[in-house]
Amino acid sequence: MNIVNGIMLAAITSSLFVSTARAADDSNKFSPLVDATGNISRPLDFRRNWVHLGSWLVKDDEHASGPGVHDVYADPAAVKTYLDTGKWQDGAALVKAISAIQSRQLTTGNAQWAGDTGVWFVMIKDRNKRFPDHPAWGGGWGWALFKSDAPEKNITSDWQGEGLNNCYGCHLPAKSTDWVYIEGYPTLR
């Protein structure tokens, strides 16, 4: 193969790749984390590629229903839109990773940090109410829960369910801020 044919082949291959990527992107304008029936997947690269909004430390005591370090992330486009408009854009994705609390006495004092992740919660903003009959969608959001023993399986059956499926009960105090606890996220202030 001569150099001209090699350059032409590279250009054609590149063009096909870009066209295929655009077609795949255009096929799901809403969210790449949601399929056509409303099932939500967990993003795998959020810690490296998304914006860290903030962390909560929920002390492990008799009053805690979700003890651990709660690190919350959002996709970069959603953060930009929120900072520009004060609203979550359609398709915005937020992830909360809850990890065990590790601690040790260090020279600075009793230090605490995130250990192994136990669960991930995912929220997807739905301004158009695409899945009105899907029990994991409500309040303008899609809700999902993934556990560390099966991190690819969304176990949310009903956003107003019981136990860990009670997204509604946990987020009800934040209803006035579109179900998101904004006060815990310095990145958004």
C-alpha atoms as a PDB file:
ATOM      1  CA  MET A   1       0.000   0.000   0.000  1.00  0.00           C
ATOM      2  CA  ASN A   2       1.406   3.351  -0.948  1.00  0.00           C
ATOM      3  CA  ILE A   3       1.258   6.394   1.298  1.00  0.00           C
ATOM      4  CA  VAL A   4      -1.629   8.061  -0.606  1.00  0.00           C
ATOM      5  CA  ASN A   5      -3.817   4.951  -0.279  1.00  0.00           C
ATOM      6  CA  GLY A   6      -2.876   4.716   3.403  1.00  0.00           C
ATOM      7  CA  ILE A   7      -3.911   8.328   4.023  1.00  0.00           C
ATOM      8  CA  MET A   8      -7.192   7.821   2.141  1.00  0.00           C
ATOM      9  CA  LEU A   9      -7.949   4.634   4.121  1.00  0.00           C
ATOM     10  CA  ALA A  10      -7.236   6.459   7.393  1.00  0.00           C
ATOM     11  CA  ALA A  11      -9.499   9.357   6.383  1.00  0.00           C
ATOM     12  CA  ILE A  12     -12.353   7.004   5.407  1.00  0.00           C
ATOM     13  CA  THR A  13     -11.955   4.966   8.609  1.00  0.00           C
ATOM     14  CA  SER A  14     -11.917   8.152  10.701  1.00  0.00           C
ATOM     15  CA  SER A  15     -14.998   9.485   8.921  1.00  0.00           C
ATOM     16  CA  LEU A  16     -16.870   6.215   9.469  1.00  0.00           C
ATOM     17  CA  PHE A  17     -15.908   6.231  13.153  1.00  0.00           C
ATOM     18  CA  VAL A  18     -17.143   9.814  13.621  1.00  0.00           C
ATOM     19  CA  SER A  19     -20.396   9.070  11.749  1.00  0.00           C
ATOM     20  CA  THR A  20     -21.003   5.925  13.808  1.00  0.00           C
ATOM     21  CA  ALA A  21     -20.265   7.782  17.060  1.00  0.00           C
ATOM     22  CA  ARG A  22     -22.621  10.620  16.059  1.00  0.00           C
ATOM     23  CA  ALA A  23     -25.391   8.155  15.145  1.00  0.00           C
ATOM     24  CA  ALA A  24     -24.995   6.374  18.485  1.00  0.00           C
ATOM     25  CA  ASP A  25     -25.035   9.727  20.297  1.00  0.00           C
ATOM     26  CA  ASP A  26     -28.101  10.915  18.370  1.00  0.00           C
ATOM     27  CA  SER A  27     -29.988   7.694  19.126  1.00  0.00           C
ATOM     28  CA  ASN A  28     -30.195   8.559  22.831  1.00  0.00           C
ATOM     29  CA  LYS A  29     -30.368  12.329  23.288  1.00  0.00           C
ATOM     30  CA  PHE A  30     -32.000  11.908  26.720  1.00  0.00           C
ATOM     31  CA  SER A  31     -29.360   9.907  28.608  1.00  0.00           C
ATOM     32  CA  PRO A  32     -26.905   7.165  27.706  1.00  0.00           C
ATOM     33  CA  LEU A  33     -27.616   5.686  31.159  1.00  0.00           C
ATOM     34  CA  VAL A  34     -31.310   5.016  30.400  1.00  0.00           C
ATOM     35  CA  ASP A  35     -32.699   2.463  27.982  1.00  0.00           C
ATOM     36  CA  ALA A  36     -35.938   2.790  25.997  1.00  0.00           C
ATOM     37  CA  THR A  37     -38.029   1.251  28.802  1.00  0.00           C
ATOM     38  CA  GLY A  38     -36.604   3.410  31.607  1.00  0.00           C
ATOM     39  CA  ASN A  39     -34.034   1.032  33.065  1.00  0.00           C
ATOM     40  CA  ILE A  40     -31.082   2.933  34.523  1.00  0.00           C
ATOM     41  CA  SER A  41     -27.436   1.799  34.394  1.00  0.00           C
ATOM     42  CA  ARG A  42     -24.630   2.848  36.693  1.00  0.00           C
ATOM     43  CA  PRO A  43     -21.888   4.951  35.083  1.00  0.00           C
ATOM     44  CA  LEU A  44     -18.508   3.327  35.536  1.00  0.00           C
ATOM     45  CA  ASP A  45     -16.154   6.279  35.095  1.00  0.00           C
ATOM     46  CA  PHE A  46     -17.840   8.935  37.218  1.00  0.00           C
ATOM     47  CA  ARG A  47     -15.029   9.288  39.786  1.00  0.00           C
ATOM     48  CA  ARG A  48     -12.504  10.195  37.072  1.00  0.00           C
ATOM     49  CA  ASN A  49     -14.644  12.119  34.601  1.00  0.00           C
ATOM     50  CA  TRP A  50     -17.478  13.732  36.535  1.00  0.00           C
ATOM     51  CA  VAL A  51     -17.603  16.691  38.908  1.00  0.00           C
ATOM     52  CA  HIS A  52     -17.418  15.943  42.637  1.00  0.00           C
ATOM     53  CA  LEU A  53     -20.225  18.012  44.171  1.00  0.00           C
ATOM     54  CA  GLY A  54     -19.421  17.298  47.795  1.00  0.00           C
ATOM     55  CA  SER A  55     -19.373  14.707  50.555  1.00  0.00           C
ATOM     56  CA  TRP A  56     -21.532  13.913  53.533  1.00  0.00           C
ATOM     57  CA  LEU A  57     -20.340  12.043  56.594  1.00  0.00           C
ATOM     58  CA  VAL A  58     -23.189  10.165  58.238  1.00  0.00           C
ATOM     59  CA  LYS A  59     -21.926   8.973  61.607  1.00  0.00           C
ATOM     60  CA  ASP A  60     -22.629   5.337  62.453  1.00  0.00           C
ATOM     61  CA  ASP A  61     -24.942   5.599  65.448  1.00  0.00           C
ATOM     62  CA  GLU A  62     -28.456   4.556  66.518  1.00  0.00           C
ATOM     63  CA  HIS A  63     -30.024   7.451  64.527  1.00  0.00           C
ATOM     64  CA  ALA A  64     -28.324   6.718  61.187  1.00  0.00           C
ATOM     65  CA  SER A  65     -30.235   4.866  58.488  1.00  0.00           C
ATOM     66  CA  GLY A  66     -27.372   5.247  55.990  1.00  0.00           C
ATOM     67  CA  PRO A  67     -24.056   5.589  57.807  1.00  0.00           C
ATOM     68  CA  GLY A  68     -20.932   6.128  55.760  1.00  0.00           C
ATOM     69  CA  VAL A  69     -19.120   8.614  53.572  1.00  0.00           C
ATOM     70  CA  HIS A  70     -21.526   9.847  50.885  1.00  0.00           C
ATOM     71  CA  ASP A  71     -19.593  11.208  47.884  1.00  0.00           C
ATOM     72  CA  VAL A  72     -21.813  12.830  45.248  1.00  0.00           C
ATOM     73  CA  TYR A  73     -20.904  13.423  41.594  1.00  0.00           C
ATOM     74  CA  ALA A  74     -22.696  14.900  38.564  1.00  0.00           C
ATOM     75  CA  ASP A  75     -21.944  14.810  34.884  1.00  0.00           C
ATOM     76  CA  PRO A  76     -20.040  17.951  33.801  1.00  0.00           C
ATOM     77  CA  ALA A  77     -22.739  19.267  31.409  1.00  0.00           C
ATOM     78  CA  ALA A  78     -25.345  19.031  34.175  1.00  0.00           C
ATOM     79  CA  VAL A  79     -23.140  21.012  36.564  1.00  0.00           C
ATOM     80  CA  LYS A  80     -22.520  23.721  33.976  1.00  0.00           C
ATOM     81  CA  THR A  81     -26.247  24.032  33.257  1.00  0.00           C
ATOM     82  CA  TYR A  82     -27.081  24.092  36.977  1.00  0.00           C
ATOM     83  CA  LEU A  83     -24.529  26.840  37.645  1.00  0.00           C
ATOM     84  CA  ASP A  84     -25.841  28.857  34.669  1.00  0.00           C
ATOM     85  CA  THR A  85     -29.582  28.396  35.321  1.00  0.00           C
ATOM     86  CA  GLY A  86     -30.120  27.046  38.845  1.00  0.00           C
ATOM     87  CA  LYS A  87     -31.948  24.032  37.366  1.00  0.00           C
ATOM     88  CA  TRP A  88     -31.025  20.463  36.495  1.00  0.00           C
ATOM     89  CA  GLN A  89     -31.144  19.886  32.756  1.00  0.00           C
ATOM     90  CA  ASP A  90     -33.159  17.076  31.220  1.00  0.00           C
ATOM     91  CA  GLY A  91     -31.003  13.941  31.363  1.00  0.00           C
ATOM     92  CA  ALA A  92     -28.734  15.277  34.132  1.00  0.00           C
ATOM     93  CA  ALA A  93     -27.163  12.420  36.060  1.00  0.00           C
ATOM     94  CA  LEU A  94     -26.087  12.389  39.705  1.00  0.00           C
ATOM     95  CA  VAL A  95     -24.329   9.518  41.482  1.00  0.00           C
ATOM     96  CA  LYS A  96     -23.942   9.053  45.219  1.00  0.00           C
ATOM     97  CA  ALA A  97     -21.371   6.465  46.307  1.00  0.00           C
ATOM     98  CA  ILE A  98     -21.739   5.421  49.953  1.00  0.00           C
ATOM     99  CA  SER A  99     -18.596   3.958  51.467  1.00  0.00           C
ATOM    100  CA  ALA A 100     -17.717   2.516  54.840  1.00  0.00           C
ATOM    101  CA  ILE A 101     -16.089   4.860  57.314  1.00  0.00           C
ATOM    102  CA  GLN A 102     -12.448   4.062  58.045  1.00  0.00           C
ATOM    103  CA  SER A 103     -10.614   5.805  60.874  1.00  0.00           C
ATOM    104  CA  ARG A 104      -7.276   5.939  62.617  1.00  0.00           C
ATOM    105  CA  GLN A 105      -5.509   8.242  65.020  1.00  0.00           C
ATOM    106  CA  LEU A 106      -3.030  10.328  63.032  1.00  0.00           C
ATOM    107  CA  THR A 107      -0.776  13.206  64.001  1.00  0.00           C
ATOM    108  CA  THR A 108      -3.582  15.603  62.993  1.00  0.00           C
ATOM    109  CA  GLY A 109      -6.133  13.832  65.214  1.00  0.00           C
ATOM    110  CA  ASN A 110      -8.716  11.103  64.749  1.00  0.00           C
ATOM    111  CA  ALA A 111      -8.914  10.904  60.938  1.00  0.00           C
ATOM    112  CA  GLN A 112     -11.867   9.410  59.061  1.00  0.00           C
ATOM    113  CA  TRP A 113     -12.090   8.579  55.349  1.00  0.00           C
ATOM    114  CA  ALA A 114     -14.026   6.535  52.814  1.00  0.00           C
ATOM    115  CA  GLY A 115     -13.356   2.805  52.731  1.00  0.00           C
ATOM    116  CA  ASP A 116     -14.965   0.272  50.388  1.00  0.00           C
ATOM    117  CA  THR A 117     -18.093   1.384  48.532  1.00  0.00           C
ATOM    118  CA  GLY A 118     -21.233  -0.477  49.598  1.00  0.00           C
ATOM    119  CA  VAL A 119     -23.901   1.091  47.377  1.00  0.00           C
ATOM    120  CA  TRP A 120     -24.345   3.579  44.566  1.00  0.00           C
ATOM    121  CA  PHE A 121     -27.475   5.663  44.045  1.00  0.00           C
ATOM    122  CA  VAL A 122     -28.130   7.162  40.617  1.00  0.00           C
ATOM    123  CA  MET A 123     -30.625   9.916  39.783  1.00  0.00           C
ATOM    124  CA  ILE A 124     -31.532  10.940  36.220  1.00  0.00           C
ATOM    125  CA  LYS A 125     -33.507  14.162  35.670  1.00  0.00           C
ATOM    126  CA  ASP A 126     -36.605  13.667  33.510  1.00  0.00           C
ATOM    127  CA  ARG A 127     -38.320  16.957  32.679  1.00  0.00           C
ATOM    128  CA  ASN A 128     -40.646  15.299  30.111  1.00  0.00           C
ATOM    129  CA  LYS A 129     -42.083  12.495  32.285  1.00  0.00           C
ATOM    130  CA  ARG A 130     -40.997   9.833  29.776  1.00  0.00           C
ATOM    131  CA  PHE A 131     -41.768   6.842  31.998  1.00  0.00           C
ATOM    132  CA  PRO A 132     -45.030   7.666  33.851  1.00  0.00           C
ATOM    133  CA  ASP A 133     -45.852   4.001  34.514  1.00  0.00           C
ATOM    134  CA  HIS A 134     -42.347   2.951  35.604  1.00  0.00           C
ATOM    135  CA  PRO A 135     -42.298   2.696  39.430  1.00  0.00           C
ATOM    136  CA  ALA A 136     -38.641   3.796  39.673  1.00  0.00           C
ATOM    137  CA  TRP A 137     -39.476   7.171  38.075  1.00  0.00           C
ATOM    138  CA  GLY A 138     -41.186   9.950  39.988  1.00  0.00           C
ATOM    139  CA  GLY A 139     -40.794  13.505  41.211  1.00  0.00           C
ATOM    140  CA  GLY A 140     -39.149  14.422  37.904  1.00  0.00           C
ATOM    141  CA  TRP A 141     -36.310  11.932  38.387  1.00  0.00           C
ATOM    142  CA  GLY A 142     -35.402   8.326  37.692  1.00  0.00           C
ATOM    143  CA  TRP A 143     -34.009   6.564  40.747  1.00  0.00           C
ATOM    144  CA  ALA A 144     -31.646   3.584  40.901  1.00  0.00           C
ATOM    145  CA  LEU A 145     -29.698   1.640  43.518  1.00  0.00           C
ATOM    146  CA  PHE A 146     -26.729  -0.639  42.891  1.00  0.00           C
ATOM    147  CA  LYS A 147     -25.084  -2.774  45.611  1.00  0.00           C
ATOM    148  CA  SER A 148     -21.433  -3.776  45.715  1.00  0.00           C
ATOM    149  CA  ASP A 149     -22.254  -7.505  45.560  1.00  0.00           C
ATOM    150  CA  ALA A 150     -23.972  -6.988  42.157  1.00  0.00           C
ATOM    151  CA  PRO A 151     -22.813  -3.545  40.918  1.00  0.00           C
ATOM    152  CA  GLU A 152     -24.359  -3.921  37.454  1.00  0.00           C
ATOM    153  CA  LYS A 153     -27.882  -4.727  38.712  1.00  0.00           C
ATOM    154  CA  ASN A 154     -30.298  -1.914  39.547  1.00  0.00           C
ATOM    155  CA  ILE A 155     -32.403  -3.173  42.459  1.00  0.00           C
ATOM    156  CA  THR A 156     -34.780  -0.205  42.720  1.00  0.00           C
ATOM    157  CA  SER A 157     -38.268  -1.545  42.236  1.00  0.00           C
ATOM    158  CA  ASP A 158     -40.222   1.500  43.421  1.00  0.00           C
ATOM    159  CA  TRP A 159     -38.895   4.965  44.247  1.00  0.00           C
ATOM    160  CA  GLN A 160     -41.472   5.123  47.043  1.00  0.00           C
ATOM    161  CA  GLY A 161     -40.697   1.605  48.296  1.00  0.00           C
ATOM    162  CA  GLU A 162     -39.310   0.323  51.570  1.00  0.00           C
ATOM    163  CA  GLY A 163     -35.801   0.308  52.996  1.00  0.00           C
ATOM    164  CA  LEU A 164     -33.120   1.316  50.499  1.00  0.00           C
ATOM    165  CA  ASN A 165     -35.837   1.650  47.838  1.00  0.00           C
ATOM    166  CA  ASN A 166     -37.425   4.543  49.735  1.00  0.00           C
ATOM    167  CA  CYS A 167     -35.876   7.313  47.624  1.00  0.00           C
ATOM    168  CA  TYR A 168     -38.984   9.424  48.264  1.00  0.00           C
ATOM    169  CA  GLY A 169     -38.673   9.243  52.069  1.00  0.00           C
ATOM    170  CA  CYS A 170     -34.990  10.149  52.108  1.00  0.00           C
ATOM    171  CA  HIS A 171     -35.314  12.987  49.600  1.00  0.00           C
ATOM    172  CA  LEU A 172     -38.654  14.453  50.751  1.00  0.00           C
ATOM    173  CA  PRO A 173     -36.922  17.117  52.914  1.00  0.00           C
ATOM    174  CA  ALA A 174     -35.169  18.322  49.721  1.00  0.00           C
ATOM    175  CA  LYS A 175     -38.327  18.475  47.578  1.00  0.00           C
ATOM    176  CA  SER A 176     -38.198  22.292  47.434  1.00  0.00           C
ATOM    177  CA  THR A 177     -34.727  22.097  45.821  1.00  0.00           C
ATOM    178  CA  ASP A 178     -35.841  19.577  43.172  1.00  0.00           C
ATOM    179  CA  TRP A 179     -35.203  16.597  45.484  1.00  0.00           C
ATOM    180  CA  VAL A 180     -31.447  17.347  45.737  1.00  0.00           C
ATOM    181  CA  TYR A 181     -29.723  18.375  48.981  1.00  0.00           C
ATOM    182  CA  ILE A 182     -27.985  21.385  47.436  1.00  0.00           C
ATOM    183  CA  GLU A 183     -26.654  22.721  50.773  1.00  0.00           C
ATOM    184  CA  GLY A 184     -24.136  19.854  50.920  1.00  0.00           C
ATOM    185  CA  TYR A 185     -22.522  20.679  47.584  1.00  0.00           C
ATOM    186  CA  PRO A 186     -20.007  23.533  47.671  1.00  0.00           C
ATOM    187  CA  THR A 187     -19.394  23.060  43.942  1.00  0.00           C
ATOM    188  CA  LEU A 188     -22.944  24.335  43.256  1.00  0.00           C
ATOM    189  CA  ARG A 189     -22.786  27.353  45.561  1.00  0.00           C
END
